[in-house]
Amino acid sequence: MSSNRLIIRESKPDELDKIKKVLIEAYEQYAAILSKEQWENYKNSIIDATEKSKTKTKLVAIADNVLLGACFIYDSAEKAYGLTDLEIDYPIIRLIGVSPKARGLGIATELIRASCNLSLEWGSDRIVLHTSDMMQSAIRLYEKLGFKRAKQYEFMNGNILVKSYELNINNTAILTN
């Protein structure tokens, strides 16, 4: 990221392969933590979410005409996970991923900021995301940005606790920084 500034925008249909590539690169670090089968399932879920998801929108981060990050925003838990019993009927961020070569540049923060702005435009004053303990650096970022644990929206995926974090967008500094 040298000359051009970072641009966060909605993705274009012809960018799906680039989005898949950057998300798989971003999450590949967990292949060392997960079993081979778990990693293959996770990677396939990333591919499925990219190709067949019911997102409200997909955001991308672009600099120097290179796609460096992406995230997906869903209307509800039903759309994001097929889980109606979570009763989340406001935006959910999923699959925030930044290319390993572009980490530390604030790209994930900008993707989250853009997600919050869109949520406000859509009439929602809060946003939710899910993560797990293996993603400690992501959890630190979410907490730094003001996200709070929302245990009522957590669930088990096999033997992994999928933790939930919620942000009240109106009471956050993320939109003013």
C-alpha atoms as a PDB file:
ATOM      1  CA  MET A   1       0.000   0.000   0.000  1.00  0.00           C
ATOM      2  CA  SER A   2       2.135   2.829  -1.215  1.00  0.00           C
ATOM      3  CA  SER A   3       0.638   5.553  -3.349  1.00  0.00           C
ATOM      4  CA  ASN A   4      -3.128   5.049  -3.511  1.00  0.00           C
ATOM      5  CA  ARG A   5      -5.285   5.453  -0.476  1.00  0.00           C
ATOM      6  CA  LEU A   6      -7.368   2.618   0.888  1.00  0.00           C
ATOM      7  CA  ILE A   7     -10.817   2.344  -0.642  1.00  0.00           C
ATOM      8  CA  ILE A   8     -13.620   0.433   1.059  1.00  0.00           C
ATOM      9  CA  ARG A   9     -16.567  -0.282  -1.217  1.00  0.00           C
ATOM     10  CA  GLU A  10     -19.166  -2.877  -2.062  1.00  0.00           C
ATOM     11  CA  SER A  11     -17.777  -5.742  -4.090  1.00  0.00           C
ATOM     12  CA  LYS A  12     -18.482  -6.350  -7.743  1.00  0.00           C
ATOM     13  CA  PRO A  13     -19.714  -9.707  -9.077  1.00  0.00           C
ATOM     14  CA  ASP A  14     -16.470 -10.291 -10.989  1.00  0.00           C
ATOM     15  CA  GLU A  15     -14.411 -10.032  -7.770  1.00  0.00           C
ATOM     16  CA  LEU A  16     -15.632 -13.265  -6.161  1.00  0.00           C
ATOM     17  CA  ASP A  17     -12.467 -15.218  -7.010  1.00  0.00           C
ATOM     18  CA  LYS A  18     -10.268 -12.461  -5.559  1.00  0.00           C
ATOM     19  CA  ILE A  19     -12.434 -12.339  -2.422  1.00  0.00           C
ATOM     20  CA  LYS A  20     -12.170 -16.124  -1.965  1.00  0.00           C
ATOM     21  CA  LYS A  21      -8.408 -15.960  -2.427  1.00  0.00           C
ATOM     22  CA  VAL A  22      -7.865 -13.168   0.102  1.00  0.00           C
ATOM     23  CA  LEU A  23     -10.184 -14.760   2.674  1.00  0.00           C
ATOM     24  CA  ILE A  24      -8.547 -18.175   2.386  1.00  0.00           C
ATOM     25  CA  GLU A  25      -5.102 -16.521   2.708  1.00  0.00           C
ATOM     26  CA  ALA A  26      -6.329 -14.566   5.731  1.00  0.00           C
ATOM     27  CA  TYR A  27      -7.751 -17.591   7.532  1.00  0.00           C
ATOM     28  CA  GLU A  28      -5.079 -20.083   6.477  1.00  0.00           C
ATOM     29  CA  GLN A  29      -3.105 -19.334   9.643  1.00  0.00           C
ATOM     30  CA  TYR A  30      -5.692 -21.430  11.505  1.00  0.00           C
ATOM     31  CA  ALA A  31      -4.858 -24.535   9.459  1.00  0.00           C
ATOM     32  CA  ALA A  32      -2.009 -25.116  11.922  1.00  0.00           C
ATOM     33  CA  ILE A  33      -4.420 -25.038  14.887  1.00  0.00           C
ATOM     34  CA  LEU A  34      -7.299 -27.017  13.395  1.00  0.00           C
ATOM     35  CA  SER A  35      -7.269 -30.640  12.348  1.00  0.00           C
ATOM     36  CA  LYS A  36      -6.900 -31.219   8.613  1.00  0.00           C
ATOM     37  CA  GLU A  37     -10.608 -32.082   8.393  1.00  0.00           C
ATOM     38  CA  GLN A  38     -11.642 -28.994  10.397  1.00  0.00           C
ATOM     39  CA  TRP A  39      -9.499 -26.730   8.202  1.00  0.00           C
ATOM     40  CA  GLU A  40     -10.930 -28.253   4.988  1.00  0.00           C
ATOM     41  CA  ASN A  41     -14.469 -27.752   6.345  1.00  0.00           C
ATOM     42  CA  TYR A  42     -13.644 -24.164   7.342  1.00  0.00           C
ATOM     43  CA  LYS A  43     -12.064 -23.403   3.964  1.00  0.00           C
ATOM     44  CA  ASN A  44     -15.093 -24.892   2.186  1.00  0.00           C
ATOM     45  CA  SER A  45     -17.421 -22.764   4.326  1.00  0.00           C
ATOM     46  CA  ILE A  46     -15.477 -19.654   3.225  1.00  0.00           C
ATOM     47  CA  ILE A  47     -15.858 -20.693  -0.412  1.00  0.00           C
ATOM     48  CA  ASP A  48     -19.570 -21.444   0.048  1.00  0.00           C
ATOM     49  CA  ALA A  49     -20.161 -18.138   1.848  1.00  0.00           C
ATOM     50  CA  THR A  50     -18.467 -16.286  -0.985  1.00  0.00           C
ATOM     51  CA  GLU A  51     -20.280 -18.055  -3.802  1.00  0.00           C
ATOM     52  CA  LYS A  52     -23.699 -18.886  -2.367  1.00  0.00           C
ATOM     53  CA  SER A  53     -24.245 -16.654   0.623  1.00  0.00           C
ATOM     54  CA  LYS A  54     -27.305 -14.604   1.375  1.00  0.00           C
ATOM     55  CA  THR A  55     -25.325 -11.494   2.243  1.00  0.00           C
ATOM     56  CA  LYS A  56     -26.878  -8.086   2.280  1.00  0.00           C
ATOM     57  CA  THR A  57     -23.545  -6.919   0.888  1.00  0.00           C
ATOM     58  CA  LYS A  58     -19.898  -7.852   0.602  1.00  0.00           C
ATOM     59  CA  LEU A  59     -17.334  -5.141   1.288  1.00  0.00           C
ATOM     60  CA  VAL A  60     -13.826  -5.094  -0.115  1.00  0.00           C
ATOM     61  CA  ALA A  61     -10.711  -3.126   0.759  1.00  0.00           C
ATOM     62  CA  ILE A  62      -8.678  -2.007  -2.246  1.00  0.00           C
ATOM     63  CA  ALA A  63      -5.326  -0.212  -2.431  1.00  0.00           C
ATOM     64  CA  ASP A  64      -3.129   0.213  -5.487  1.00  0.00           C
ATOM     65  CA  ASN A  65      -5.823  -1.693  -7.421  1.00  0.00           C
ATOM     66  CA  VAL A  66      -5.211  -4.794  -5.272  1.00  0.00           C
ATOM     67  CA  LEU A  67      -7.952  -6.412  -3.203  1.00  0.00           C
ATOM     68  CA  LEU A  68      -6.452  -6.638   0.300  1.00  0.00           C
ATOM     69  CA  GLY A  69      -9.433  -7.491   2.477  1.00  0.00           C
ATOM     70  CA  ALA A  70     -13.105  -8.289   2.594  1.00  0.00           C
ATOM     71  CA  CYS A  71     -16.044  -8.778   4.918  1.00  0.00           C
ATOM     72  CA  PHE A  72     -19.630  -9.883   4.522  1.00  0.00           C
ATOM     73  CA  ILE A  73     -22.695  -8.299   6.096  1.00  0.00           C
ATOM     74  CA  TYR A  74     -25.900 -10.234   6.632  1.00  0.00           C
ATOM     75  CA  ASP A  75     -29.384  -9.064   7.663  1.00  0.00           C
ATOM     76  CA  SER A  76     -29.856 -11.680  10.372  1.00  0.00           C
ATOM     77  CA  ALA A  77     -28.600 -14.877  11.984  1.00  0.00           C
ATOM     78  CA  GLU A  78     -30.940 -16.796   9.739  1.00  0.00           C
ATOM     79  CA  LYS A  79     -29.242 -15.386   6.632  1.00  0.00           C
ATOM     80  CA  ALA A  80     -25.719 -15.632   8.091  1.00  0.00           C
ATOM     81  CA  TYR A  81     -25.902 -19.102   9.619  1.00  0.00           C
ATOM     82  CA  GLY A  82     -29.341 -20.534   8.926  1.00  0.00           C
ATOM     83  CA  LEU A  83     -30.039 -20.204  12.664  1.00  0.00           C
ATOM     84  CA  THR A  84     -33.403 -18.640  13.479  1.00  0.00           C
ATOM     85  CA  ASP A  85     -33.172 -19.498  17.179  1.00  0.00           C
ATOM     86  CA  LEU A  86     -30.378 -16.930  17.727  1.00  0.00           C
ATOM     87  CA  GLU A  87     -32.983 -14.210  17.153  1.00  0.00           C
ATOM     88  CA  ILE A  88     -30.542 -11.704  15.701  1.00  0.00           C
ATOM     89  CA  ASP A  89     -32.549  -9.554  13.308  1.00  0.00           C
ATOM     90  CA  TYR A  90     -29.982  -6.853  12.699  1.00  0.00           C
ATOM     91  CA  PRO A  91     -26.712  -6.776  10.771  1.00  0.00           C
ATOM     92  CA  ILE A  92     -24.085  -9.444  11.342  1.00  0.00           C
ATOM     93  CA  ILE A  93     -20.515  -9.110  10.101  1.00  0.00           C
ATOM     94  CA  ARG A  94     -18.920 -12.360   8.957  1.00  0.00           C
ATOM     95  CA  LEU A  95     -15.587 -13.328   7.475  1.00  0.00           C
ATOM     96  CA  ILE A  96     -13.554 -10.214   8.086  1.00  0.00           C
ATOM     97  CA  GLY A  97     -10.290 -11.080   6.413  1.00  0.00           C
ATOM     98  CA  VAL A  98      -7.165  -9.163   5.476  1.00  0.00           C
ATOM     99  CA  SER A  99      -4.319 -10.459   3.340  1.00  0.00           C
ATOM    100  CA  PRO A 100      -1.327 -11.383   5.536  1.00  0.00           C
ATOM    101  CA  LYS A 101       0.839  -9.011   3.462  1.00  0.00           C
ATOM    102  CA  ALA A 102      -1.415  -6.084   4.411  1.00  0.00           C
ATOM    103  CA  ARG A 103      -1.933  -6.677   8.132  1.00  0.00           C
ATOM    104  CA  GLY A 104      -1.299  -3.916  10.627  1.00  0.00           C
ATOM    105  CA  LEU A 105      -2.461  -1.192   8.236  1.00  0.00           C
ATOM    106  CA  GLY A 106      -5.909  -0.699   9.801  1.00  0.00           C
ATOM    107  CA  ILE A 107      -7.794  -2.456   7.016  1.00  0.00           C
ATOM    108  CA  ALA A 108      -9.955  -4.608   9.316  1.00  0.00           C
ATOM    109  CA  THR A 109     -10.869  -1.505  11.317  1.00  0.00           C
ATOM    110  CA  GLU A 110     -11.901   0.304   8.134  1.00  0.00           C
ATOM    111  CA  LEU A 111     -14.008  -2.661   7.006  1.00  0.00           C
ATOM    112  CA  ILE A 112     -15.754  -2.672  10.398  1.00  0.00           C
ATOM    113  CA  ARG A 113     -16.219   1.127  10.274  1.00  0.00           C
ATOM    114  CA  ALA A 114     -17.830   0.844   6.818  1.00  0.00           C
ATOM    115  CA  SER A 115     -20.047  -2.001   8.089  1.00  0.00           C
ATOM    116  CA  CYS A 116     -21.210   0.189  10.971  1.00  0.00           C
ATOM    117  CA  ASN A 117     -21.967   3.096   8.647  1.00  0.00           C
ATOM    118  CA  LEU A 118     -23.996   0.837   6.373  1.00  0.00           C
ATOM    119  CA  SER A 119     -25.878  -0.569   9.364  1.00  0.00           C
ATOM    120  CA  LEU A 120     -26.841   2.952  10.376  1.00  0.00           C
ATOM    121  CA  GLU A 121     -27.956   3.717   6.812  1.00  0.00           C
ATOM    122  CA  TRP A 122     -30.128   0.583   6.936  1.00  0.00           C
ATOM    123  CA  GLY A 123     -31.755   1.789  10.176  1.00  0.00           C
ATOM    124  CA  SER A 124     -29.928  -0.398  12.676  1.00  0.00           C
ATOM    125  CA  ASP A 125     -28.091   1.015  15.675  1.00  0.00           C
ATOM    126  CA  ARG A 126     -26.165  -2.172  16.434  1.00  0.00           C
ATOM    127  CA  ILE A 127     -24.127  -4.855  14.751  1.00  0.00           C
ATOM    128  CA  VAL A 128     -23.012  -8.338  15.806  1.00  0.00           C
ATOM    129  CA  LEU A 129     -20.137 -10.607  14.871  1.00  0.00           C
ATOM    130  CA  HIS A 130     -18.996 -14.068  15.885  1.00  0.00           C
ATOM    131  CA  THR A 131     -15.517 -15.416  16.537  1.00  0.00           C
ATOM    132  CA  SER A 132     -13.724 -18.070  18.555  1.00  0.00           C
ATOM    133  CA  ASP A 133     -10.859 -18.262  21.027  1.00  0.00           C
ATOM    134  CA  MET A 134      -8.378 -19.234  18.306  1.00  0.00           C
ATOM    135  CA  MET A 135      -8.782 -15.709  16.888  1.00  0.00           C
ATOM    136  CA  GLN A 136      -7.236 -13.788  19.780  1.00  0.00           C
ATOM    137  CA  SER A 137      -5.878 -10.892  17.708  1.00  0.00           C
ATOM    138  CA  ALA A 138      -9.326 -10.376  16.184  1.00  0.00           C
ATOM    139  CA  ILE A 139     -10.954 -10.437  19.631  1.00  0.00           C
ATOM    140  CA  ARG A 140      -8.484  -7.796  20.844  1.00  0.00           C
ATOM    141  CA  LEU A 141      -9.390  -5.598  17.874  1.00  0.00           C
ATOM    142  CA  TYR A 142     -13.146  -6.002  18.441  1.00  0.00           C
ATOM    143  CA  GLU A 143     -12.828  -5.121  22.113  1.00  0.00           C
ATOM    144  CA  LYS A 144     -10.603  -2.124  21.293  1.00  0.00           C
ATOM    145  CA  LEU A 145     -13.299  -0.894  18.903  1.00  0.00           C
ATOM    146  CA  GLY A 146     -15.953  -1.147  21.616  1.00  0.00           C
ATOM    147  CA  PHE A 147     -17.588  -4.507  20.941  1.00  0.00           C
ATOM    148  CA  LYS A 148     -18.952  -6.241  24.062  1.00  0.00           C
ATOM    149  CA  ARG A 149     -19.565  -9.936  24.608  1.00  0.00           C
ATOM    150  CA  ALA A 150     -23.136 -10.930  23.804  1.00  0.00           C
ATOM    151  CA  LYS A 151     -23.379 -14.417  25.300  1.00  0.00           C
ATOM    152  CA  GLN A 152     -27.062 -14.684  24.399  1.00  0.00           C
ATOM    153  CA  TYR A 153     -26.031 -15.039  20.742  1.00  0.00           C
ATOM    154  CA  GLU A 154     -23.347 -17.692  21.208  1.00  0.00           C
ATOM    155  CA  PHE A 155     -23.553 -21.245  19.949  1.00  0.00           C
ATOM    156  CA  MET A 156     -21.490 -24.391  19.574  1.00  0.00           C
ATOM    157  CA  ASN A 157     -20.011 -25.461  16.254  1.00  0.00           C
ATOM    158  CA  GLY A 158     -18.936 -29.018  16.969  1.00  0.00           C
ATOM    159  CA  ASN A 159     -16.667 -28.667  20.009  1.00  0.00           C
ATOM    160  CA  ILE A 160     -15.889 -24.969  19.376  1.00  0.00           C
ATOM    161  CA  LEU A 161     -17.699 -22.191  21.239  1.00  0.00           C
ATOM    162  CA  VAL A 162     -18.643 -19.534  18.709  1.00  0.00           C
ATOM    163  CA  LYS A 163     -18.467 -16.339  20.749  1.00  0.00           C
ATOM    164  CA  SER A 164     -20.606 -13.340  19.978  1.00  0.00           C
ATOM    165  CA  TYR A 165     -19.739  -9.664  20.205  1.00  0.00           C
ATOM    166  CA  GLU A 166     -22.138  -6.765  19.786  1.00  0.00           C
ATOM    167  CA  LEU A 167     -21.548  -3.074  19.158  1.00  0.00           C
ATOM    168  CA  ASN A 168     -24.040  -0.312  19.874  1.00  0.00           C
ATOM    169  CA  ILE A 169     -23.072   1.873  16.932  1.00  0.00           C
ATOM    170  CA  ASN A 170     -24.579   5.086  18.336  1.00  0.00           C
ATOM    171  CA  ASN A 171     -22.369   4.864  21.425  1.00  0.00           C
ATOM    172  CA  THR A 172     -19.062   4.150  19.763  1.00  0.00           C
ATOM    173  CA  ALA A 173     -16.060   6.202  18.818  1.00  0.00           C
ATOM    174  CA  ILE A 174     -15.340   4.048  15.739  1.00  0.00           C
ATOM    175  CA  LEU A 175     -17.357   6.402  13.536  1.00  0.00           C
ATOM    176  CA  THR A 176     -15.624   9.531  14.795  1.00  0.00           C
ATOM    177  CA  ASN A 177     -11.995   8.364  14.752  1.00  0.00           C
END
